[in-house]
Structure formats: structure tokens, C-alpha cells
Amino acid sequence: MQYKKRLKICLPIVLRVCCGLSGMTAQTRYFGELGILGGGSFYNGDANSTKVFLEPHLAFGGLLRINLTNRGVLKVNVIRGAVSGDSRNMDNALPGGVNAEFEREFWDVGLHFEHNFFKYGIRTWDREVKRHTPYILLGPGITIYDEWRGTELTFNFTYGVGYKFKFGKRFNLGLEWSMHKLFIDDFDVTNKDNKILDDPYQMGYSWIKNNDYYSTVFLFLSVDLIRKKSKCNVLQF
């Protein structure tokens, strides 16, 4: 009986000490990530209906991730990009055989939810945690651009895929590709010469059809911020 009492007192203390010294039974977590991104952007619409990665332009910006769980992440990103299109690169011709081209710069501010396929982090006692994971994302965004009538702001809906890898204890490197669906059809109209790109086939449009898109593809580098206190799970007697 005396031996069991001593064991109940000493074993939890030993486990807590080992946890603090080795970190093998605690999962280190951080509040989120702050990072930079760089890559390219391209357009799909009436001047490029199907081809991807056509006329890419430089895109760059920054991101902030907030870790909700090991798999769920809330991300805010700000991207500066550009797009262009030329109907002569299409297989289909515009009505009347006319040609139209455009080029435009824009800002994108997005609020996206990311779902990691694996628990993401530094592997410790939890063998399901991995240093890499693919993920999917979706969420709303705002597109800001200069229109020939003045500065315009419109909403977009973003969805995409990505892959990230943790190197060191706090750094993350990843690749992401996302599509940004606009709810307008005149994103590619920059002057009176290419105004035909606004519903050229006179089919009408709604929020679900005949709208313009742009895509962003980028690499990102981020660092984990604000370390959370880790819990050390010990046996209870």
C-alpha cells in the first residue's frame, strides 16, 4: 500500500518533468502565420474562354493565417496582380468577327477558410501530425480596380487548392492555385474599343453564369507567430 501511494505521487511529477524537458508529449502550437507571396495571375472570360496560364502577369502580396485547429485555418490575403486578354488567341470568334484586347491591374483582398488534409505541425506525441499537407480553400473576396469611369469595387468568390511544408520549427513554404469568380462581365472592358467584351453574345448574365474569372498561382513563405501554451497530458490516478 505504501508503494502504491508513492507511485501515485511520484509518477505524475516525473511525467511532467519529462514533458517539459523533452517536449515529446506536448504539441507546440502557434496562433497563426504571417508571410509573403509571389507568383502570377491570368484571366478567363470573353477574350479567353478556356485556356489556362495564358498571358500570365506578375502577382505578389502578403497573407495572415489564424489556426483554428490542426486542420482548419482562416486566411486573409492581399494580392496585387494584373490580367490581359486578346480575342485573337481564342478558338471561337466574337460576333461580327471583331477582335478585342485589354489589360488591367487589380487588388484582391480575400478571407478564406482552408481545410488541411492532414494535421499540420511539428510531429511530437501525436503521430497523425505531419510536417506537410495538401489543402483546399474557399471564401469571399473583394476585387478593386481602376475602371475607365473611375475606381470600381466588386465581390468575388474564391476556391482553390494548395500544398504546404513546414521546415525548421516555425517556417512554412507552400504553393497555391486559386480561381476567383467575379459577379460581373465587364472586368475586361477598359475603354470604348473593347466594350464588346461585356456580354458579346447577348445571352444575358446572372451571378452564376457568363461572368469573368481570374486566377492566381503563387509560392508563399510564412513564419509562425505567437506561441500558444502547450498542454502536457499525463496519466490520472
C-alpha atoms as a PDB file:
ATOM      1  CA  MET A   1       0.000   0.000   0.000  1.00  0.00           C
ATOM      2  CA  GLN A   2       2.815   2.377   0.836  1.00  0.00           C
ATOM      3  CA  TYR A   3       4.436   1.636  -2.541  1.00  0.00           C
ATOM      4  CA  LYS A   4       1.219   2.468  -4.450  1.00  0.00           C
ATOM      5  CA  LYS A   5       0.840   5.778  -2.631  1.00  0.00           C
ATOM      6  CA  ARG A   6       4.387   6.797  -3.518  1.00  0.00           C
ATOM      7  CA  LEU A   7       3.809   5.771  -7.137  1.00  0.00           C
ATOM      8  CA  LYS A   8       0.680   7.945  -7.381  1.00  0.00           C
ATOM      9  CA  ILE A   9       2.635  10.923  -6.075  1.00  0.00           C
ATOM     10  CA  CYS A  10       5.891  10.477  -7.989  1.00  0.00           C
ATOM     11  CA  LEU A  11       4.754   9.277 -11.412  1.00  0.00           C
ATOM     12  CA  PRO A  12       2.750  12.390 -12.440  1.00  0.00           C
ATOM     13  CA  ILE A  13       5.657  14.586 -11.321  1.00  0.00           C
ATOM     14  CA  VAL A  14       8.147  12.571 -13.369  1.00  0.00           C
ATOM     15  CA  LEU A  15       5.911  12.702 -16.429  1.00  0.00           C
ATOM     16  CA  ARG A  16       5.500  16.475 -16.180  1.00  0.00           C
ATOM     17  CA  VAL A  17       9.240  16.982 -15.828  1.00  0.00           C
ATOM     18  CA  CYS A  18       9.921  14.780 -18.853  1.00  0.00           C
ATOM     19  CA  CYS A  19       7.299  16.636 -20.819  1.00  0.00           C
ATOM     20  CA  GLY A  20       8.894  19.966 -20.062  1.00  0.00           C
ATOM     21  CA  LEU A  21      12.421  18.798 -20.828  1.00  0.00           C
ATOM     22  CA  SER A  22      11.899  16.763 -23.958  1.00  0.00           C
ATOM     23  CA  GLY A  23       8.708  18.120 -25.496  1.00  0.00           C
ATOM     24  CA  MET A  24       7.881  14.570 -26.607  1.00  0.00           C
ATOM     25  CA  THR A  25       4.407  14.568 -25.055  1.00  0.00           C
ATOM     26  CA  ALA A  26       3.355  18.103 -25.925  1.00  0.00           C
ATOM     27  CA  GLN A  27       2.238  19.557 -29.222  1.00  0.00           C
ATOM     28  CA  THR A  28       3.752  23.002 -29.838  1.00  0.00           C
ATOM     29  CA  ARG A  29       1.148  25.241 -31.476  1.00  0.00           C
ATOM     30  CA  TYR A  30       1.119  28.799 -32.711  1.00  0.00           C
ATOM     31  CA  PHE A  31      -1.676  31.304 -33.098  1.00  0.00           C
ATOM     32  CA  GLY A  32      -1.045  31.722 -36.819  1.00  0.00           C
ATOM     33  CA  GLU A  33       1.335  32.669 -39.629  1.00  0.00           C
ATOM     34  CA  LEU A  34       2.465  35.865 -41.320  1.00  0.00           C
ATOM     35  CA  GLY A  35       4.010  35.632 -44.765  1.00  0.00           C
ATOM     36  CA  ILE A  36       4.728  36.932 -48.235  1.00  0.00           C
ATOM     37  CA  LEU A  37       3.680  35.509 -51.584  1.00  0.00           C
ATOM     38  CA  GLY A  38       4.711  35.862 -55.201  1.00  0.00           C
ATOM     39  CA  GLY A  39       3.711  34.318 -58.498  1.00  0.00           C
ATOM     40  CA  GLY A  40       1.412  35.051 -61.397  1.00  0.00           C
ATOM     41  CA  SER A  41      -2.170  35.844 -62.380  1.00  0.00           C
ATOM     42  CA  PHE A  42      -4.172  35.231 -65.549  1.00  0.00           C
ATOM     43  CA  TYR A  43      -7.687  35.783 -66.905  1.00  0.00           C
ATOM     44  CA  ASN A  44     -10.614  33.745 -68.221  1.00  0.00           C
ATOM     45  CA  GLY A  45     -13.539  35.477 -69.856  1.00  0.00           C
ATOM     46  CA  ASP A  46     -14.893  36.619 -73.200  1.00  0.00           C
ATOM     47  CA  ALA A  47     -11.376  37.297 -74.522  1.00  0.00           C
ATOM     48  CA  ASN A  48     -10.055  33.921 -73.288  1.00  0.00           C
ATOM     49  CA  SER A  49     -12.807  31.445 -72.612  1.00  0.00           C
ATOM     50  CA  THR A  50     -10.939  28.186 -71.890  1.00  0.00           C
ATOM     51  CA  LYS A  51      -7.143  28.411 -71.882  1.00  0.00           C
ATOM     52  CA  VAL A  52      -5.312  28.472 -68.544  1.00  0.00           C
ATOM     53  CA  PHE A  53      -1.994  30.199 -67.842  1.00  0.00           C
ATOM     54  CA  LEU A  54      -2.456  32.327 -70.971  1.00  0.00           C
ATOM     55  CA  GLU A  55      -0.811  35.776 -70.807  1.00  0.00           C
ATOM     56  CA  PRO A  56       0.356  35.483 -67.176  1.00  0.00           C
ATOM     57  CA  HIS A  57       1.342  38.575 -65.223  1.00  0.00           C
ATOM     58  CA  LEU A  58       3.297  39.106 -62.011  1.00  0.00           C
ATOM     59  CA  ALA A  59       1.323  38.884 -58.758  1.00  0.00           C
ATOM     60  CA  PHE A  60       2.592  39.485 -55.227  1.00  0.00           C
ATOM     61  CA  GLY A  61       1.305  40.257 -51.753  1.00  0.00           C
ATOM     62  CA  GLY A  62       1.043  39.059 -48.184  1.00  0.00           C
ATOM     63  CA  LEU A  63      -1.013  36.714 -46.039  1.00  0.00           C
ATOM     64  CA  LEU A  64      -2.076  36.148 -42.455  1.00  0.00           C
ATOM     65  CA  ARG A  65      -3.297  32.758 -41.256  1.00  0.00           C
ATOM     66  CA  ILE A  66      -5.140  32.096 -37.993  1.00  0.00           C
ATOM     67  CA  ASN A  67      -5.034  28.471 -36.847  1.00  0.00           C
ATOM     68  CA  LEU A  68      -8.456  27.344 -35.666  1.00  0.00           C
ATOM     69  CA  THR A  69      -7.478  23.675 -35.323  1.00  0.00           C
ATOM     70  CA  ASN A  70      -4.719  21.409 -36.670  1.00  0.00           C
ATOM     71  CA  ARG A  71      -6.786  21.142 -39.862  1.00  0.00           C
ATOM     72  CA  GLY A  72      -8.871  24.298 -40.009  1.00  0.00           C
ATOM     73  CA  VAL A  73      -7.305  27.664 -40.889  1.00  0.00           C
ATOM     74  CA  LEU A  74      -8.744  31.128 -41.511  1.00  0.00           C
ATOM     75  CA  LYS A  75      -6.635  33.106 -44.002  1.00  0.00           C
ATOM     76  CA  VAL A  76      -6.571  36.764 -45.009  1.00  0.00           C
ATOM     77  CA  ASN A  77      -4.530  37.668 -48.079  1.00  0.00           C
ATOM     78  CA  VAL A  78      -3.877  40.833 -50.049  1.00  0.00           C
ATOM     79  CA  ILE A  79      -2.685  40.406 -53.644  1.00  0.00           C
ATOM     80  CA  ARG A  80      -1.598  42.877 -56.297  1.00  0.00           C
ATOM     81  CA  GLY A  81      -1.966  41.398 -59.771  1.00  0.00           C
ATOM     82  CA  ALA A  82      -2.734  42.052 -63.406  1.00  0.00           C
ATOM     83  CA  VAL A  83      -4.561  40.312 -66.249  1.00  0.00           C
ATOM     84  CA  SER A  84      -4.880  40.704 -70.002  1.00  0.00           C
ATOM     85  CA  GLY A  85      -6.665  39.046 -72.887  1.00  0.00           C
ATOM     86  CA  ASP A  86      -6.826  39.070 -76.663  1.00  0.00           C
ATOM     87  CA  SER A  87      -9.717  37.519 -78.586  1.00  0.00           C
ATOM     88  CA  ARG A  88      -7.326  36.553 -81.382  1.00  0.00           C
ATOM     89  CA  ASN A  89      -5.929  33.852 -79.047  1.00  0.00           C
ATOM     90  CA  MET A  90      -9.340  32.155 -78.833  1.00  0.00           C
ATOM     91  CA  ASP A  91     -10.638  29.292 -80.930  1.00  0.00           C
ATOM     92  CA  ASN A  92     -14.061  30.966 -81.101  1.00  0.00           C
ATOM     93  CA  ALA A  93     -14.591  34.334 -82.786  1.00  0.00           C
ATOM     94  CA  LEU A  94     -16.515  37.255 -81.344  1.00  0.00           C
ATOM     95  CA  PRO A  95     -19.755  38.303 -83.121  1.00  0.00           C
ATOM     96  CA  GLY A  96     -19.082  40.033 -86.413  1.00  0.00           C
ATOM     97  CA  GLY A  97     -15.531  38.726 -86.480  1.00  0.00           C
ATOM     98  CA  VAL A  98     -14.285  41.704 -84.470  1.00  0.00           C
ATOM     99  CA  ASN A  99     -11.233  41.493 -82.231  1.00  0.00           C
ATOM    100  CA  ALA A 100     -10.773  42.993 -78.798  1.00  0.00           C
ATOM    101  CA  GLU A 101      -7.958  43.082 -76.289  1.00  0.00           C
ATOM    102  CA  PHE A 102      -7.404  44.557 -72.845  1.00  0.00           C
ATOM    103  CA  GLU A 103      -5.021  44.774 -69.904  1.00  0.00           C
ATOM    104  CA  ARG A 104      -5.885  45.599 -66.315  1.00  0.00           C
ATOM    105  CA  GLU A 105      -4.266  45.783 -62.862  1.00  0.00           C
ATOM    106  CA  PHE A 106      -6.181  44.979 -59.686  1.00  0.00           C
ATOM    107  CA  TRP A 107      -6.045  44.404 -55.937  1.00  0.00           C
ATOM    108  CA  ASP A 108      -7.582  41.314 -54.353  1.00  0.00           C
ATOM    109  CA  VAL A 109      -8.460  41.118 -50.644  1.00  0.00           C
ATOM    110  CA  GLY A 110      -9.654  37.664 -49.611  1.00  0.00           C
ATOM    111  CA  LEU A 111     -10.999  35.954 -46.495  1.00  0.00           C
ATOM    112  CA  HIS A 112     -10.735  32.199 -46.998  1.00  0.00           C
ATOM    113  CA  PHE A 113     -11.242  29.042 -44.976  1.00  0.00           C
ATOM    114  CA  GLU A 114      -8.588  26.367 -45.542  1.00  0.00           C
ATOM    115  CA  HIS A 115      -9.002  22.703 -44.698  1.00  0.00           C
ATOM    116  CA  ASN A 116      -5.803  20.667 -44.291  1.00  0.00           C
ATOM    117  CA  PHE A 117      -5.992  17.017 -45.320  1.00  0.00           C
ATOM    118  CA  PHE A 118      -3.547  16.115 -42.522  1.00  0.00           C
ATOM    119  CA  LYS A 119      -2.982  17.510 -39.067  1.00  0.00           C
ATOM    120  CA  TYR A 120      -0.284  20.075 -39.719  1.00  0.00           C
ATOM    121  CA  GLY A 121       2.606  20.920 -37.420  1.00  0.00           C
ATOM    122  CA  ILE A 122       5.758  19.623 -35.776  1.00  0.00           C
ATOM    123  CA  ARG A 123       5.387  15.919 -35.053  1.00  0.00           C
ATOM    124  CA  THR A 124       5.547  15.010 -31.371  1.00  0.00           C
ATOM    125  CA  TRP A 125       3.484  12.515 -29.391  1.00  0.00           C
ATOM    126  CA  ASP A 126       0.621  12.693 -31.897  1.00  0.00           C
ATOM    127  CA  ARG A 127       1.741  10.546 -34.833  1.00  0.00           C
ATOM    128  CA  GLU A 128      -1.096  11.907 -37.015  1.00  0.00           C
ATOM    129  CA  VAL A 129       0.594  15.316 -37.124  1.00  0.00           C
ATOM    130  CA  LYS A 130       2.661  15.789 -40.275  1.00  0.00           C
ATOM    131  CA  ARG A 131       5.114  18.438 -41.468  1.00  0.00           C
ATOM    132  CA  HIS A 132       3.349  18.688 -44.842  1.00  0.00           C
ATOM    133  CA  THR A 133      -0.221  18.661 -46.120  1.00  0.00           C
ATOM    134  CA  PRO A 134      -2.324  19.390 -49.193  1.00  0.00           C
ATOM    135  CA  TYR A 135      -5.317  21.647 -48.541  1.00  0.00           C
ATOM    136  CA  ILE A 136      -8.396  23.126 -50.169  1.00  0.00           C
ATOM    137  CA  LEU A 137      -9.717  26.651 -49.721  1.00  0.00           C
ATOM    138  CA  LEU A 138     -12.829  28.696 -50.395  1.00  0.00           C
ATOM    139  CA  GLY A 139     -14.273  32.005 -49.330  1.00  0.00           C
ATOM    140  CA  PRO A 140     -15.273  35.526 -50.351  1.00  0.00           C
ATOM    141  CA  GLY A 141     -13.065  38.309 -51.619  1.00  0.00           C
ATOM    142  CA  ILE A 142     -13.086  41.893 -52.850  1.00  0.00           C
ATOM    143  CA  THR A 143     -11.586  42.980 -56.179  1.00  0.00           C
ATOM    144  CA  ILE A 144     -10.549  46.625 -56.554  1.00  0.00           C
ATOM    145  CA  TYR A 145      -9.563  48.029 -59.936  1.00  0.00           C
ATOM    146  CA  ASP A 146      -9.442  51.236 -61.973  1.00  0.00           C
ATOM    147  CA  GLU A 147     -12.333  51.482 -64.398  1.00  0.00           C
ATOM    148  CA  TRP A 148     -12.448  53.954 -67.256  1.00  0.00           C
ATOM    149  CA  ARG A 149     -15.351  55.507 -65.363  1.00  0.00           C
ATOM    150  CA  GLY A 150     -13.454  55.552 -62.055  1.00  0.00           C
ATOM    151  CA  THR A 151     -12.311  53.157 -59.302  1.00  0.00           C
ATOM    152  CA  GLU A 152     -14.525  50.092 -59.031  1.00  0.00           C
ATOM    153  CA  LEU A 153     -15.018  47.549 -56.245  1.00  0.00           C
ATOM    154  CA  THR A 154     -16.722  44.201 -56.733  1.00  0.00           C
ATOM    155  CA  PHE A 155     -17.067  40.953 -54.831  1.00  0.00           C
ATOM    156  CA  ASN A 156     -15.616  37.618 -55.879  1.00  0.00           C
ATOM    157  CA  PHE A 157     -15.833  34.034 -54.698  1.00  0.00           C
ATOM    158  CA  THR A 158     -12.545  32.162 -54.433  1.00  0.00           C
ATOM    159  CA  TYR A 159     -11.825  28.431 -54.432  1.00  0.00           C
ATOM    160  CA  GLY A 160      -8.599  26.542 -54.900  1.00  0.00           C
ATOM    161  CA  VAL A 161      -6.010  24.008 -53.771  1.00  0.00           C
ATOM    162  CA  GLY A 162      -2.588  24.191 -52.195  1.00  0.00           C
ATOM    163  CA  TYR A 163       0.275  22.312 -50.613  1.00  0.00           C
ATOM    164  CA  LYS A 164       2.490  23.427 -47.733  1.00  0.00           C
ATOM    165  CA  PHE A 165       5.540  22.135 -45.936  1.00  0.00           C
ATOM    166  CA  LYS A 166       6.993  23.083 -42.560  1.00  0.00           C
ATOM    167  CA  PHE A 167      10.773  23.391 -42.345  1.00  0.00           C
ATOM    168  CA  GLY A 168      12.521  24.206 -39.129  1.00  0.00           C
ATOM    169  CA  LYS A 169      10.181  24.761 -36.213  1.00  0.00           C
ATOM    170  CA  ARG A 170       8.391  27.898 -37.368  1.00  0.00           C
ATOM    171  CA  PHE A 171       8.757  28.355 -41.131  1.00  0.00           C
ATOM    172  CA  ASN A 172       6.316  27.259 -43.832  1.00  0.00           C
ATOM    173  CA  LEU A 173       6.740  27.035 -47.597  1.00  0.00           C
ATOM    174  CA  GLY A 174       3.868  26.361 -49.964  1.00  0.00           C
ATOM    175  CA  LEU A 175       2.253  26.533 -53.388  1.00  0.00           C
ATOM    176  CA  GLU A 176      -1.331  27.655 -54.032  1.00  0.00           C
ATOM    177  CA  TRP A 177      -3.609  27.939 -57.079  1.00  0.00           C
ATOM    178  CA  SER A 178      -6.987  29.619 -56.766  1.00  0.00           C
ATOM    179  CA  MET A 179      -9.807  30.702 -59.083  1.00  0.00           C
ATOM    180  CA  HIS A 180     -11.611  33.976 -58.383  1.00  0.00           C
ATOM    181  CA  LYS A 181     -15.140  34.096 -59.795  1.00  0.00           C
ATOM    182  CA  LEU A 182     -16.416  37.614 -60.358  1.00  0.00           C
ATOM    183  CA  PHE A 183     -20.094  38.548 -60.452  1.00  0.00           C
ATOM    184  CA  ILE A 184     -19.689  40.940 -63.389  1.00  0.00           C
ATOM    185  CA  ASP A 185     -18.969  40.516 -67.109  1.00  0.00           C
ATOM    186  CA  ASP A 186     -17.188  43.813 -67.787  1.00  0.00           C
ATOM    187  CA  PHE A 187     -13.960  43.223 -65.872  1.00  0.00           C
ATOM    188  CA  ASP A 188     -12.301  43.023 -69.290  1.00  0.00           C
ATOM    189  CA  VAL A 189     -13.781  46.326 -70.506  1.00  0.00           C
ATOM    190  CA  THR A 190     -11.181  49.071 -70.125  1.00  0.00           C
ATOM    191  CA  ASN A 191     -12.235  51.514 -72.848  1.00  0.00           C
ATOM    192  CA  LYS A 192     -14.806  52.023 -75.605  1.00  0.00           C
ATOM    193  CA  ASP A 193     -12.763  49.958 -78.075  1.00  0.00           C
ATOM    194  CA  ASN A 194     -13.230  46.714 -76.119  1.00  0.00           C
ATOM    195  CA  LYS A 195     -16.731  47.350 -74.803  1.00  0.00           C
ATOM    196  CA  ILE A 196     -17.950  44.384 -76.863  1.00  0.00           C
ATOM    197  CA  LEU A 197     -16.430  42.126 -74.196  1.00  0.00           C
ATOM    198  CA  ASP A 198     -19.383  42.991 -71.952  1.00  0.00           C
ATOM    199  CA  ASP A 199     -21.823  40.184 -72.865  1.00  0.00           C
ATOM    200  CA  PRO A 200     -20.738  39.966 -76.531  1.00  0.00           C
ATOM    201  CA  TYR A 201     -23.190  37.174 -77.442  1.00  0.00           C
ATOM    202  CA  GLN A 202     -26.163  38.985 -75.848  1.00  0.00           C
ATOM    203  CA  MET A 203     -27.002  35.944 -73.719  1.00  0.00           C
ATOM    204  CA  GLY A 204     -27.553  37.914 -70.564  1.00  0.00           C
ATOM    205  CA  TYR A 205     -25.829  37.031 -67.330  1.00  0.00           C
ATOM    206  CA  SER A 206     -26.546  36.352 -63.706  1.00  0.00           C
ATOM    207  CA  TRP A 207     -24.453  35.739 -60.616  1.00  0.00           C
ATOM    208  CA  ILE A 208     -23.912  32.091 -61.654  1.00  0.00           C
ATOM    209  CA  LYS A 209     -23.198  32.358 -65.397  1.00  0.00           C
ATOM    210  CA  ASN A 210     -21.405  34.375 -68.066  1.00  0.00           C
ATOM    211  CA  ASN A 211     -19.051  36.154 -65.676  1.00  0.00           C
ATOM    212  CA  ASP A 212     -15.323  36.821 -65.744  1.00  0.00           C
ATOM    213  CA  TYR A 213     -12.675  34.968 -63.734  1.00  0.00           C
ATOM    214  CA  TYR A 214      -9.064  35.478 -62.825  1.00  0.00           C
ATOM    215  CA  SER A 215      -6.635  33.012 -61.296  1.00  0.00           C
ATOM    216  CA  THR A 216      -3.627  33.417 -59.030  1.00  0.00           C
ATOM    217  CA  VAL A 217      -0.774  30.933 -58.700  1.00  0.00           C
ATOM    218  CA  PHE A 218       1.929  31.670 -56.167  1.00  0.00           C
ATOM    219  CA  LEU A 219       4.587  30.428 -53.796  1.00  0.00           C
ATOM    220  CA  PHE A 220       4.429  31.637 -50.214  1.00  0.00           C
ATOM    221  CA  LEU A 221       6.828  31.781 -47.299  1.00  0.00           C
ATOM    222  CA  SER A 222       5.491  32.330 -43.789  1.00  0.00           C
ATOM    223  CA  VAL A 223       6.608  32.261 -40.174  1.00  0.00           C
ATOM    224  CA  ASP A 224       4.580  31.044 -37.193  1.00  0.00           C
ATOM    225  CA  LEU A 225       3.521  33.758 -34.749  1.00  0.00           C
ATOM    226  CA  ILE A 226       2.593  33.886 -31.061  1.00  0.00           C
ATOM    227  CA  ARG A 227       3.319  30.552 -29.466  1.00  0.00           C
ATOM    228  CA  LYS A 228       0.419  29.039 -27.537  1.00  0.00           C
ATOM    229  CA  LYS A 229       0.885  27.306 -24.232  1.00  0.00           C
ATOM    230  CA  SER A 230       1.122  23.554 -24.731  1.00  0.00           C
ATOM    231  CA  LYS A 231      -0.676  21.032 -22.616  1.00  0.00           C
ATOM    232  CA  CYS A 232       1.188  18.056 -21.287  1.00  0.00           C
ATOM    233  CA  ASN A 233      -1.130  15.073 -20.977  1.00  0.00           C
ATOM    234  CA  VAL A 234      -0.278  12.896 -18.001  1.00  0.00           C
ATOM    235  CA  LEU A 235      -1.845   9.805 -16.567  1.00  0.00           C
ATOM    236  CA  GLN A 236      -4.566  10.353 -13.997  1.00  0.00           C
ATOM    237  CA  PHE A 237      -4.796   8.046 -10.989  1.00  0.00           C
END
